Amino acid sequence: HAVYMEIETMRRLHEYEYAQYMHNFTLMRDDEYGKGYKLIADYLKEKEAEGSHMTPYEAMKKLINGIIDGTVKL
């Protein structure tokens, strides 16, 4: 969650080069940060493909609630 929000914030601040670097670097990681980032990024891609117009922050809240209530599997 923390890394995803860092990258999303950098994008919103128009720091695209840094955001892309962090995105690529994080996708290569095999620790909790990399795994969490991949989970969130995949979830958001899925929602976008479904036609959702949620903001990343709204989608993050929905993802967290889904993990808590068991409707989203890790």
Protein backbone atom coordinates (compact mmCIF):
# COMPACT_ATOMS: atom_id res chain seq x y z
CA HIS A 1 0.00 0.00 0.00
CA ALA A 2 2.73 2.45 0.96
CA VAL A 3 4.73 1.96 -2.23
CA TYR A 4 1.63 2.15 -4.42
CA MET A 5 0.58 5.42 -2.81
CA GLU A 6 4.13 6.81 -3.15
CA ILE A 7 4.16 6.05 -6.88
CA GLU A 8 0.63 7.40 -7.39
CA THR A 9 1.56 10.60 -5.56
CA MET A 10 4.64 11.03 -7.76
CA ARG A 11 2.45 10.66 -10.86
CA ARG A 12 0.03 13.29 -9.57
CA LEU A 13 2.97 15.61 -8.92
CA HIS A 14 4.03 15.06 -12.56
CA GLU A 15 7.21 13.27 -11.49
CA TYR A 16 6.64 10.72 -14.25
CA GLU A 17 10.25 9.61 -14.69
CA TYR A 18 10.67 8.85 -11.00
CA ALA A 19 7.25 7.18 -10.82
CA GLN A 20 8.09 4.93 -13.78
CA TYR A 21 11.47 4.05 -12.27
CA MET A 22 9.83 3.12 -8.94
CA HIS A 23 7.08 1.18 -10.74
CA ASN A 24 9.59 -0.91 -12.69
CA PHE A 25 11.86 -1.41 -9.68
CA THR A 26 8.99 -2.44 -7.42
CA LEU A 27 7.63 -4.95 -9.94
CA MET A 28 11.00 -6.75 -9.75
CA ARG A 29 10.92 -7.00 -5.96
CA ASP A 30 9.89 -10.27 -4.31
CA ASP A 31 9.34 -8.94 -0.80
CA GLU A 32 6.18 -7.66 0.91
CA TYR A 33 6.43 -4.31 -0.85
CA GLY A 34 6.75 -5.83 -4.30
CA LYS A 35 4.02 -8.40 -3.70
CA GLY A 36 1.66 -5.78 -2.27
CA TYR A 37 2.32 -3.40 -5.13
CA LYS A 38 1.63 -6.11 -7.70
CA LEU A 39 -1.62 -7.05 -5.93
CA ILE A 40 -2.83 -3.46 -5.92
CA ALA A 41 -1.70 -2.71 -9.49
CA ASP A 42 -3.40 -5.89 -10.80
CA TYR A 43 -6.60 -5.09 -8.89
CA LEU A 44 -6.73 -1.58 -10.32
CA LYS A 45 -6.09 -2.85 -13.86
CA GLU A 46 -8.95 -5.31 -13.42
CA LYS A 47 -11.29 -2.56 -12.23
CA GLU A 48 -10.23 -0.31 -15.12
CA ALA A 49 -10.90 -3.12 -17.59
CA GLU A 50 -14.37 -3.48 -16.09
CA GLY A 51 -14.99 0.17 -16.92
CA SER A 52 -14.65 1.53 -13.42
CA HIS A 53 -14.00 5.24 -13.06
CA MET A 54 -12.90 5.04 -9.42
CA THR A 55 -9.97 7.13 -8.36
CA PRO A 56 -6.95 5.09 -7.21
CA TYR A 57 -7.75 6.15 -3.64
CA GLU A 58 -11.37 5.02 -3.88
CA ALA A 59 -10.24 1.72 -5.42
CA MET A 60 -7.68 1.27 -2.64
CA LYS A 61 -10.42 1.66 -0.02
CA LYS A 62 -12.57 -0.90 -1.85
CA LEU A 63 -9.63 -3.31 -2.10
CA ILE A 64 -8.81 -3.01 1.61
CA ASN A 65 -12.44 -3.53 2.58
CA GLY A 66 -12.60 -6.55 0.25
CA ILE A 67 -9.55 -8.10 1.90
CA ILE A 68 -11.03 -7.49 5.35
CA ASP A 69 -14.45 -8.95 4.53
CA GLY A 70 -12.99 -11.84 2.52
CA THR A 71 -14.37 -10.95 -0.92
CA VAL A 72 -10.85 -10.32 -2.27
CA LYS A 73 -8.38 -13.17 -1.95
CA LEU A 74 -4.67 -12.54 -1.58
